[in-house]
Amino acid sequence: MLYSLSLIICGAMGAFVKETVDDNAIELPKKFEGKLFLGFIGSIMIGAILGYIVNNSPITAFFGGYAGVGTLEKLLKNKSIK
């Protein structure tokens, strides 16, 4: 249980670092035209899930959260263009 929690936290930290490094800032959640944009919280949630899925060590969970968020963003952008 404690090991799984550490993987989730490491994945979330990786996603947080990715957001901070890419934008050099943290995008706060906001509501615009009736839609809720999660900002960095959405990335942290995705990173936490990916960190748990990688499920090998805290280091791979961190890098899973870091790389996974960017990969999903690229896949979603490519899908919306088609």
N, C-alpha and C. Protein backbone atom coordinates (compact mmCIF):
# COMPACT_ATOMS: atom_id res chain seq x y z
N MET A 1 0.82 -1.20 0.00
CA MET A 1 0.00 0.00 0.00
C MET A 1 0.86 1.26 0.00
N LEU A 2 1.84 1.29 0.90
CA LEU A 2 2.71 2.46 0.99
C LEU A 2 3.58 2.59 -0.26
N TYR A 3 4.00 1.45 -0.81
CA TYR A 3 4.82 1.48 -2.03
C TYR A 3 4.00 2.00 -3.21
N SER A 4 2.74 1.59 -3.30
CA SER A 4 1.86 2.08 -4.38
C SER A 4 1.64 3.58 -4.25
N LEU A 5 1.48 4.05 -3.03
CA LEU A 5 1.30 5.49 -2.80
C LEU A 5 2.55 6.27 -3.22
N SER A 6 3.73 5.71 -2.94
CA SER A 6 4.96 6.40 -3.34
C SER A 6 5.09 6.45 -4.87
N LEU A 7 4.62 5.41 -5.57
CA LEU A 7 4.64 5.44 -7.04
C LEU A 7 3.69 6.51 -7.58
N ILE A 8 2.53 6.63 -6.96
CA ILE A 8 1.55 7.64 -7.37
C ILE A 8 2.12 9.04 -7.15
N ILE A 9 2.74 9.26 -6.01
CA ILE A 9 3.32 10.57 -5.70
C ILE A 9 4.47 10.89 -6.65
N CYS A 10 5.32 9.92 -6.94
CA CYS A 10 6.44 10.15 -7.86
C CYS A 10 5.95 10.45 -9.27
N GLY A 11 4.90 9.77 -9.73
CA GLY A 11 4.33 10.07 -11.04
C GLY A 11 3.75 11.47 -11.09
N ALA A 12 3.07 11.87 -10.02
CA ALA A 12 2.51 13.22 -9.94
C ALA A 12 3.62 14.27 -9.93
N MET A 13 4.70 13.98 -9.21
CA MET A 13 5.83 14.92 -9.18
C MET A 13 6.47 15.05 -10.55
N GLY A 14 6.57 13.95 -11.29
CA GLY A 14 7.12 14.01 -12.64
C GLY A 14 6.28 14.88 -13.56
N ALA A 15 4.96 14.75 -13.46
CA ALA A 15 4.07 15.57 -14.27
C ALA A 15 4.16 17.05 -13.88
N PHE A 16 4.29 17.31 -12.57
CA PHE A 16 4.42 18.69 -12.10
C PHE A 16 5.71 19.33 -12.61
N VAL A 17 6.80 18.57 -12.57
CA VAL A 17 8.07 19.08 -13.08
C VAL A 17 7.97 19.35 -14.58
N LYS A 18 7.30 18.45 -15.31
CA LYS A 18 7.12 18.63 -16.76
C LYS A 18 6.37 19.93 -17.05
N GLU A 19 5.30 20.16 -16.33
CA GLU A 19 4.52 21.39 -16.54
C GLU A 19 5.35 22.62 -16.20
N THR A 20 6.12 22.56 -15.15
CA THR A 20 6.93 23.71 -14.74
C THR A 20 8.06 23.97 -15.73
N VAL A 21 8.70 22.93 -16.22
CA VAL A 21 9.82 23.09 -17.14
C VAL A 21 9.33 23.60 -18.50
N ASP A 22 8.23 23.04 -19.01
CA ASP A 22 7.73 23.43 -20.33
C ASP A 22 7.27 24.88 -20.38
N ASP A 23 6.49 25.29 -19.41
CA ASP A 23 5.88 26.62 -19.44
C ASP A 23 6.65 27.64 -18.62
N ASN A 24 7.58 27.18 -17.80
CA ASN A 24 8.31 28.04 -16.87
C ASN A 24 7.34 28.75 -15.92
N ALA A 25 6.16 28.15 -15.75
CA ALA A 25 5.14 28.67 -14.86
C ALA A 25 4.13 27.55 -14.61
N ILE A 26 3.24 27.79 -13.66
CA ILE A 26 2.18 26.84 -13.37
C ILE A 26 0.86 27.45 -13.82
N GLU A 27 0.11 26.70 -14.64
CA GLU A 27 -1.18 27.18 -15.11
C GLU A 27 -2.25 26.76 -14.11
N LEU A 28 -2.88 27.75 -13.50
CA LEU A 28 -3.89 27.47 -12.50
C LEU A 28 -5.20 27.06 -13.16
N PRO A 29 -6.02 26.29 -12.45
CA PRO A 29 -7.33 25.92 -13.00
C PRO A 29 -8.19 27.17 -13.21
N LYS A 30 -9.03 27.12 -14.24
CA LYS A 30 -9.90 28.26 -14.51
C LYS A 30 -11.19 27.78 -15.15
N LYS A 31 -12.21 28.61 -15.05
CA LYS A 31 -13.49 28.34 -15.68
C LYS A 31 -13.69 29.37 -16.77
N PHE A 32 -13.93 28.90 -18.00
CA PHE A 32 -14.06 29.80 -19.14
C PHE A 32 -15.21 29.32 -20.00
N GLU A 33 -16.19 30.18 -20.22
CA GLU A 33 -17.37 29.88 -21.03
C GLU A 33 -18.06 28.60 -20.57
N GLY A 34 -18.19 28.44 -19.28
CA GLY A 34 -18.89 27.29 -18.72
C GLY A 34 -18.09 26.00 -18.70
N LYS A 35 -16.83 26.04 -19.11
CA LYS A 35 -15.98 24.85 -19.10
C LYS A 35 -14.90 25.01 -18.05
N LEU A 36 -14.58 23.93 -17.38
CA LEU A 36 -13.54 23.93 -16.37
C LEU A 36 -12.25 23.39 -16.97
N PHE A 37 -11.20 24.19 -16.97
CA PHE A 37 -9.89 23.78 -17.44
C PHE A 37 -9.03 23.51 -16.20
N LEU A 38 -8.53 22.29 -16.10
CA LEU A 38 -7.84 21.87 -14.88
C LEU A 38 -6.43 22.42 -14.73
N GLY A 39 -5.82 22.85 -15.79
CA GLY A 39 -4.46 23.38 -15.70
C GLY A 39 -3.48 22.31 -15.25
N PHE A 40 -2.63 22.66 -14.30
CA PHE A 40 -1.60 21.72 -13.86
C PHE A 40 -2.18 20.57 -13.04
N ILE A 41 -3.37 20.74 -12.49
CA ILE A 41 -3.98 19.67 -11.70
C ILE A 41 -4.32 18.47 -12.58
N GLY A 42 -4.77 18.72 -13.81
CA GLY A 42 -5.04 17.63 -14.74
C GLY A 42 -3.78 16.86 -15.08
N SER A 43 -2.69 17.57 -15.26
CA SER A 43 -1.42 16.90 -15.55
C SER A 43 -0.95 16.06 -14.37
N ILE A 44 -1.14 16.57 -13.18
CA ILE A 44 -0.74 15.83 -11.99
C ILE A 44 -1.58 14.56 -11.85
N MET A 45 -2.87 14.64 -12.15
CA MET A 45 -3.73 13.46 -12.06
C MET A 45 -3.29 12.40 -13.08
N ILE A 46 -3.00 12.82 -14.30
CA ILE A 46 -2.54 11.89 -15.33
C ILE A 46 -1.19 11.29 -14.94
N GLY A 47 -0.29 12.13 -14.46
CA GLY A 47 1.03 11.65 -14.03
C GLY A 47 0.94 10.65 -12.90
N ALA A 48 0.01 10.87 -11.97
CA ALA A 48 -0.16 9.95 -10.85
C ALA A 48 -0.65 8.59 -11.35
N ILE A 49 -1.59 8.60 -12.28
CA ILE A 49 -2.10 7.34 -12.84
C ILE A 49 -1.00 6.61 -13.60
N LEU A 50 -0.27 7.35 -14.43
CA LEU A 50 0.80 6.72 -15.20
C LEU A 50 1.94 6.22 -14.30
N GLY A 51 2.22 6.95 -13.25
CA GLY A 51 3.24 6.50 -12.30
C GLY A 51 2.86 5.18 -11.64
N TYR A 52 1.59 5.01 -11.36
CA TYR A 52 1.13 3.75 -10.78
C TYR A 52 1.14 2.62 -11.81
N ILE A 53 0.79 2.94 -13.05
CA ILE A 53 0.76 1.93 -14.11
C ILE A 53 2.17 1.41 -14.42
N VAL A 54 3.15 2.31 -14.44
CA VAL A 54 4.53 1.88 -14.71
C VAL A 54 4.96 0.85 -13.66
N ASN A 55 4.68 1.13 -12.39
CA ASN A 55 4.76 0.17 -11.30
C ASN A 55 6.06 -0.63 -11.25
N ASN A 56 7.18 0.02 -11.33
CA ASN A 56 8.46 -0.67 -11.22
C ASN A 56 9.28 -0.11 -10.07
N SER A 57 9.58 1.16 -10.13
CA SER A 57 10.32 1.82 -9.06
C SER A 57 9.89 3.29 -9.04
N PRO A 58 10.18 3.99 -7.96
CA PRO A 58 9.81 5.41 -7.90
C PRO A 58 10.47 6.25 -9.01
N ILE A 59 11.65 5.86 -9.43
CA ILE A 59 12.33 6.62 -10.49
C ILE A 59 11.61 6.44 -11.82
N THR A 60 11.24 5.21 -12.15
CA THR A 60 10.51 5.00 -13.40
C THR A 60 9.11 5.58 -13.32
N ALA A 61 8.51 5.62 -12.14
CA ALA A 61 7.21 6.26 -11.97
C ALA A 61 7.33 7.76 -12.24
N PHE A 62 8.40 8.37 -11.74
CA PHE A 62 8.64 9.80 -11.97
C PHE A 62 8.76 10.08 -13.46
N PHE A 63 9.59 9.30 -14.14
CA PHE A 63 9.78 9.53 -15.57
C PHE A 63 8.55 9.12 -16.38
N GLY A 64 7.78 8.16 -15.88
CA GLY A 64 6.52 7.82 -16.53
C GLY A 64 5.55 8.98 -16.48
N GLY A 65 5.46 9.64 -15.34
CA GLY A 65 4.62 10.83 -15.21
C GLY A 65 5.13 11.98 -16.05
N TYR A 66 6.45 12.13 -16.10
CA TYR A 66 7.06 13.22 -16.86
C TYR A 66 6.83 13.04 -18.36
N ALA A 67 7.13 11.86 -18.87
CA ALA A 67 7.03 11.62 -20.31
C ALA A 67 5.60 11.33 -20.75
N GLY A 68 4.82 10.72 -19.88
CA GLY A 68 3.46 10.33 -20.25
C GLY A 68 2.56 11.51 -20.55
N VAL A 69 2.68 12.57 -19.78
CA VAL A 69 1.84 13.76 -19.99
C VAL A 69 2.14 14.38 -21.35
N GLY A 70 3.39 14.52 -21.69
CA GLY A 70 3.77 15.08 -22.99
C GLY A 70 3.31 14.21 -24.14
N THR A 71 3.43 12.90 -23.97
CA THR A 71 3.00 11.98 -25.02
C THR A 71 1.50 12.06 -25.25
N LEU A 72 0.74 12.09 -24.17
CA LEU A 72 -0.72 12.20 -24.32
C LEU A 72 -1.13 13.53 -24.95
N GLU A 73 -0.45 14.61 -24.59
CA GLU A 73 -0.75 15.92 -25.19
C GLU A 73 -0.50 15.89 -26.69
N LYS A 74 0.61 15.30 -27.10
CA LYS A 74 0.92 15.22 -28.54
C LYS A 74 -0.10 14.36 -29.28
N LEU A 75 -0.49 13.24 -28.68
CA LEU A 75 -1.49 12.37 -29.31
C LEU A 75 -2.83 13.07 -29.45
N LEU A 76 -3.23 13.81 -28.45
CA LEU A 76 -4.51 14.51 -28.52
C LEU A 76 -4.48 15.65 -29.53
N LYS A 77 -3.36 16.36 -29.62
CA LYS A 77 -3.24 17.42 -30.61
C LYS A 77 -3.28 16.87 -32.02
N ASN A 78 -2.59 15.75 -32.28
CA ASN A 78 -2.60 15.14 -33.61
C ASN A 78 -3.98 14.62 -33.97
N LYS A 79 -4.70 14.09 -33.01
CA LYS A 79 -6.04 13.57 -33.28
C LYS A 79 -7.01 14.69 -33.61
N SER A 80 -6.87 15.85 -32.97
CA SER A 80 -7.80 16.95 -33.20
C SER A 80 -7.55 17.61 -34.56
N ILE A 81 -6.35 17.47 -35.13
CA ILE A 81 -6.05 18.06 -36.42
C ILE A 81 -6.72 17.29 -37.54
N LYS A 82 -6.82 15.97 -37.43
CA LYS A 82 -7.35 15.13 -38.50
C LYS A 82 -8.82 15.28 -38.70
